[in-house]
Amino acid sequence: ATRYDKLARNFLAAVHLAAIVAYWIN
């Protein structure tokens, strides 16, 4: 895997976690 692939995975994971947090807050 390239650095870009890892960055993309981390980005998607962060977005997913943010969505879950927003869901629970609301």
PDB file of N, CA and C in Angstrom:
ATOM      1  N   ALA A   1       0.847  -1.199   0.000  1.00  0.00           N
ATOM      2  CA  ALA A   1       0.000   0.000   0.000  1.00  0.00           C
ATOM      3  C   ALA A   1       0.880   1.246   0.000  1.00  0.00           C
ATOM      4  N   THR A   2       0.409   2.263  -0.687  1.00  0.00           N
ATOM      5  CA  THR A   2       1.170   3.504  -0.761  1.00  0.00           C
ATOM      6  C   THR A   2       0.737   4.437   0.359  1.00  0.00           C
ATOM      7  N   ARG A   3       1.481   5.520   0.523  1.00  0.00           N
ATOM      8  CA  ARG A   3       1.111   6.486   1.558  1.00  0.00           C
ATOM      9  C   ARG A   3      -0.258   7.066   1.269  1.00  0.00           C
ATOM     10  N   TYR A   4      -0.566   7.245  -0.019  1.00  0.00           N
ATOM     11  CA  TYR A   4      -1.865   7.808  -0.391  1.00  0.00           C
ATOM     12  C   TYR A   4      -2.988   6.870   0.027  1.00  0.00           C
ATOM     13  N   ASP A   5      -2.766   5.563  -0.159  1.00  0.00           N
ATOM     14  CA  ASP A   5      -3.789   4.587   0.223  1.00  0.00           C
ATOM     15  C   ASP A   5      -4.038   4.652   1.725  1.00  0.00           C
ATOM     16  N   LYS A   6      -2.953   4.749   2.497  1.00  0.00           N
ATOM     17  CA  LYS A   6      -3.093   4.822   3.953  1.00  0.00           C
ATOM     18  C   LYS A   6      -3.806   6.116   4.344  1.00  0.00           C
ATOM     19  N   LEU A   7      -3.439   7.210   3.678  1.00  0.00           N
ATOM     20  CA  LEU A   7      -4.066   8.493   3.977  1.00  0.00           C
ATOM     21  C   LEU A   7      -5.558   8.429   3.693  1.00  0.00           C
ATOM     22  N   ALA A   8      -5.917   7.819   2.567  1.00  0.00           N
ATOM     23  CA  ALA A   8      -7.325   7.709   2.197  1.00  0.00           C
ATOM     24  C   ALA A   8      -8.077   6.875   3.226  1.00  0.00           C
ATOM     25  N   ARG A   9      -7.466   5.775   3.666  1.00  0.00           N
ATOM     26  CA  ARG A   9      -8.116   4.920   4.669  1.00  0.00           C
ATOM     27  C   ARG A   9      -8.319   5.693   5.966  1.00  0.00           C
ATOM     28  N   ASN A  10      -7.298   6.430   6.394  1.00  0.00           N
ATOM     29  CA  ASN A  10      -7.412   7.202   7.626  1.00  0.00           C
ATOM     30  C   ASN A  10      -8.484   8.271   7.490  1.00  0.00           C
ATOM     31  N   PHE A  11      -8.551   8.903   6.312  1.00  0.00           N
ATOM     32  CA  PHE A  11      -9.545   9.949   6.074  1.00  0.00           C
ATOM     33  C   PHE A  11     -10.947   9.373   6.156  1.00  0.00           C
ATOM     34  N   LEU A  12     -11.164   8.240   5.487  1.00  0.00           N
ATOM     35  CA  LEU A  12     -12.492   7.619   5.502  1.00  0.00           C
ATOM     36  C   LEU A  12     -12.853   7.183   6.914  1.00  0.00           C
ATOM     37  N   ALA A  13     -11.886   6.675   7.658  1.00  0.00           N
ATOM     38  CA  ALA A  13     -12.141   6.248   9.030  1.00  0.00           C
ATOM     39  C   ALA A  13     -12.539   7.448   9.885  1.00  0.00           C
ATOM     40  N   ALA A  14     -11.853   8.575   9.694  1.00  0.00           N
ATOM     41  CA  ALA A  14     -12.161   9.780  10.459  1.00  0.00           C
ATOM     42  C   ALA A  14     -13.561  10.272  10.136  1.00  0.00           C
ATOM     43  N   VAL A  15     -13.924  10.251   8.851  1.00  0.00           N
ATOM     44  CA  VAL A  15     -15.254  10.694   8.436  1.00  0.00           C
ATOM     45  C   VAL A  15     -16.315   9.774   9.036  1.00  0.00           C
ATOM     46  N   HIS A  16     -16.055   8.482   9.003  1.00  0.00           N
ATOM     47  CA  HIS A  16     -16.999   7.510   9.548  1.00  0.00           C
ATOM     48  C   HIS A  16     -17.194   7.738  11.043  1.00  0.00           C
ATOM     49  N   LEU A  17     -16.097   7.930  11.773  1.00  0.00           N
ATOM     50  CA  LEU A  17     -16.198   8.167  13.209  1.00  0.00           C
ATOM     51  C   LEU A  17     -16.942   9.465  13.487  1.00  0.00           C
ATOM     52  N   ALA A  18     -16.682  10.498  12.684  1.00  0.00           N
ATOM     53  CA  ALA A  18     -17.365  11.779  12.866  1.00  0.00           C
ATOM     54  C   ALA A  18     -18.864  11.608  12.662  1.00  0.00           C
ATOM     55  N   ALA A  19     -19.235  10.793  11.670  1.00  0.00           N
ATOM     56  CA  ALA A  19     -20.653  10.559  11.388  1.00  0.00           C
ATOM     57  C   ALA A  19     -21.310   9.842  12.563  1.00  0.00           C
ATOM     58  N   ILE A  20     -20.620   8.875  13.145  1.00  0.00           N
ATOM     59  CA  ILE A  20     -21.166   8.138  14.290  1.00  0.00           C
ATOM     60  C   ILE A  20     -21.336   9.073  15.485  1.00  0.00           C
ATOM     61  N   VAL A  21     -20.331   9.892  15.750  1.00  0.00           N
ATOM     62  CA  VAL A  21     -20.396  10.834  16.871  1.00  0.00           C
ATOM     63  C   VAL A  21     -21.551  11.804  16.673  1.00  0.00           C
ATOM     64  N   ALA A  22     -21.690  12.339  15.460  1.00  0.00           N
ATOM     65  CA  ALA A  22     -22.768  13.282  15.163  1.00  0.00           C
ATOM     66  C   ALA A  22     -24.115  12.601  15.351  1.00  0.00           C
ATOM     67  N   TYR A  23     -24.200  11.330  14.949  1.00  0.00           N
ATOM     68  CA  TYR A  23     -25.450  10.576  15.084  1.00  0.00           C
ATOM     69  C   TYR A  23     -25.841  10.454  16.556  1.00  0.00           C
ATOM     70  N   TRP A  24     -24.873  10.103  17.410  1.00  0.00           N
ATOM     71  CA  TRP A  24     -25.165   9.929  18.832  1.00  0.00           C
ATOM     72  C   TRP A  24     -25.460  11.258  19.508  1.00  0.00           C
ATOM     73  N   ILE A  25     -24.782  12.327  19.107  1.00  0.00           N
ATOM     74  CA  ILE A  25     -25.023  13.640  19.713  1.00  0.00           C
ATOM     75  C   ILE A  25     -26.433  14.109  19.384  1.00  0.00           C
ATOM     76  N   ASN A  26     -26.842  13.879  18.150  1.00  0.00           N
ATOM     77  CA  ASN A  26     -28.174  14.308  17.739  1.00  0.00           C
ATOM     78  C   ASN A  26     -29.208  13.282  18.168  1.00  0.00           C
TER      79      ASN A  26
END
